[in-house]
Protein backbone atom coordinates (compact mmCIF):
# COMPACT_ATOMS: atom_id res chain seq x y z
CA MET A 1 -9.42 26.78 8.84
CA ILE A 2 -6.56 28.33 6.89
CA GLU A 3 -4.24 26.44 4.52
CA ARG A 4 -1.41 26.37 7.06
CA ASP A 5 -3.68 24.66 9.61
CA ILE A 6 -4.67 22.03 7.05
CA GLU A 7 -1.03 21.46 6.08
CA GLU A 8 0.01 21.10 9.73
CA ALA A 9 -2.85 18.65 10.38
CA LEU A 10 -1.78 16.54 7.39
CA VAL A 11 1.85 16.55 8.47
CA ARG A 12 0.90 15.70 12.06
CA ASN A 13 -1.22 12.74 10.94
CA LEU A 14 1.45 11.58 8.49
CA THR A 15 4.04 11.72 11.24
CA ARG A 16 1.80 9.58 13.48
CA LEU A 17 1.29 7.07 10.67
CA LEU A 18 5.02 6.85 9.97
CA LEU A 19 5.74 6.35 13.68
CA GLU A 20 3.08 3.63 13.82
CA LEU A 21 4.59 1.83 10.80
CA GLY A 22 8.06 1.83 12.34
CA LYS A 23 11.55 2.89 11.40
CA GLY A 24 12.77 3.34 7.85
CA PHE A 25 9.52 4.29 6.09
CA ALA A 26 9.54 7.06 3.50
CA PHE A 27 6.20 8.39 2.25
CA LEU A 28 6.05 8.51 -1.56
CA GLY A 29 2.47 9.61 -2.02
CA ASN A 30 -1.25 9.05 -1.68
CA GLN A 31 -3.41 8.22 -4.68
CA TYR A 32 -0.08 7.39 -6.31
CA HIS A 33 -0.70 7.30 -10.06
CA LEU A 34 0.37 4.34 -12.17
CA ASN A 35 -0.32 4.11 -15.89
CA VAL A 36 -0.37 0.46 -16.91
CA GLY A 37 -0.91 -0.26 -20.58
CA GLY A 38 -2.70 3.03 -21.07
CA ASP A 39 -5.04 2.53 -18.09
CA ASP A 40 -4.81 4.70 -14.97
CA PHE A 41 -4.64 3.22 -11.48
CA TYR A 42 -4.22 4.90 -8.09
CA ILE A 43 -2.54 3.30 -5.07
CA ASP A 44 -4.03 4.61 -1.82
CA LEU A 45 -0.67 4.97 -0.04
CA LEU A 46 2.83 4.18 -1.29
CA PHE A 47 5.89 4.01 0.92
CA TYR A 48 9.47 2.86 0.56
CA ASN A 49 11.14 1.09 3.48
CA LEU A 50 14.83 1.95 3.65
CA ASN A 51 15.68 -0.93 6.01
CA LEU A 52 13.85 -3.62 4.02
CA ARG A 53 14.81 -1.97 0.70
CA CYS A 54 11.34 -2.43 -0.76
CA TYR A 55 8.18 -0.59 -1.70
CA VAL A 56 5.17 -0.94 0.59
CA VAL A 57 1.72 -0.59 -0.98
CA ILE A 58 -1.16 0.14 1.40
CA GLU A 59 -4.71 -0.29 0.16
CA LEU A 60 -7.55 1.05 2.33
CA LYS A 61 -11.10 -0.37 2.31
CA THR A 62 -13.97 0.97 4.38
CA GLY A 63 -15.98 -2.26 4.46
CA ALA A 64 -15.40 -5.94 5.08
CA PHE A 65 -12.70 -7.86 3.20
CA LYS A 66 -13.69 -9.17 -0.24
CA PRO A 67 -11.63 -11.67 -2.28
CA GLU A 68 -11.25 -9.22 -5.16
CA TYR A 69 -9.30 -6.87 -2.87
CA ALA A 70 -6.47 -9.43 -2.74
CA GLY A 71 -6.36 -9.52 -6.54
CA GLN A 72 -6.30 -5.73 -6.74
CA LEU A 73 -3.44 -5.50 -4.23
CA ASN A 74 -1.53 -8.26 -6.01
CA PHE A 75 -1.92 -6.31 -9.28
CA TYR A 76 -0.56 -3.15 -7.64
CA LEU A 77 2.42 -5.06 -6.24
CA SER A 78 3.21 -6.54 -9.66
CA ALA A 79 2.91 -3.11 -11.30
CA VAL A 80 5.14 -1.44 -8.70
CA ASP A 81 7.72 -4.22 -9.05
CA GLY A 82 7.59 -3.97 -12.82
CA MET A 83 7.65 -0.18 -13.08
CA LEU A 84 9.37 1.25 -9.99
CA LYS A 85 11.48 -1.46 -8.39
CA LYS A 86 15.21 -1.46 -9.16
CA GLU A 87 17.48 -4.52 -9.20
CA ILE A 88 18.82 -3.70 -5.74
CA ASP A 89 15.28 -3.57 -4.27
CA ASN A 90 13.49 -6.50 -2.68
CA PRO A 91 9.98 -7.47 -3.83
CA SER A 92 7.25 -5.08 -2.74
CA ILE A 93 5.03 -5.76 0.26
CA GLY A 94 1.28 -5.16 0.33
CA LEU A 95 -0.85 -4.20 3.29
CA LEU A 96 -4.62 -4.34 2.95
CA LEU A 97 -6.57 -2.55 5.68
CA CYS A 98 -10.26 -3.45 5.93
CA LYS A 99 -12.90 -2.73 8.54
CA SER A 100 -13.47 -6.46 9.14
CA LYS A 101 -12.92 -9.89 7.60
CA ASN A 102 -14.18 -13.43 7.50
CA ASP A 103 -11.06 -15.41 8.43
CA LEU A 104 -11.80 -18.35 6.13
CA VAL A 105 -12.60 -16.12 3.13
CA ALA A 106 -9.36 -14.18 3.70
CA GLU A 107 -7.36 -17.41 4.07
CA TYR A 108 -8.66 -18.87 0.80
CA SER A 109 -8.21 -15.55 -1.00
CA LEU A 110 -4.54 -15.27 0.01
CA LYS A 111 -3.61 -18.96 0.13
CA ASP A 112 -1.79 -19.41 -3.19
CA MET A 113 -0.54 -15.86 -3.75
CA SER A 114 3.23 -15.66 -3.88
CA LYS A 115 3.62 -11.95 -3.11
CA PRO A 116 3.85 -10.89 0.56
CA LEU A 117 0.39 -9.61 1.57
CA VAL A 118 -0.80 -8.90 5.09
């Protein structure tokens, strides 16, 4: 496979993802680097929604949901809001995609979090 084929495949898949997410999404990057207090962190996928006027952080997990994933996503949302968000922007939204979940564990993990997580 030549570089052009790889680039086209990436663009084609990104286009499908953007269409699946809906209107107004702008792709900002994958493995989006944030340096927080001298430590490096990498957001799986970062978008900005033009209609909602907010950042959208997507965290991908290959296994079942674990409570610590909610804390990690909440951290990323706080960091994005503290470092990237402007006054005119709304609070960031987090989307955590896991292979499976225990409904009760997920409910307790997300129950008292104030940031919008889905």
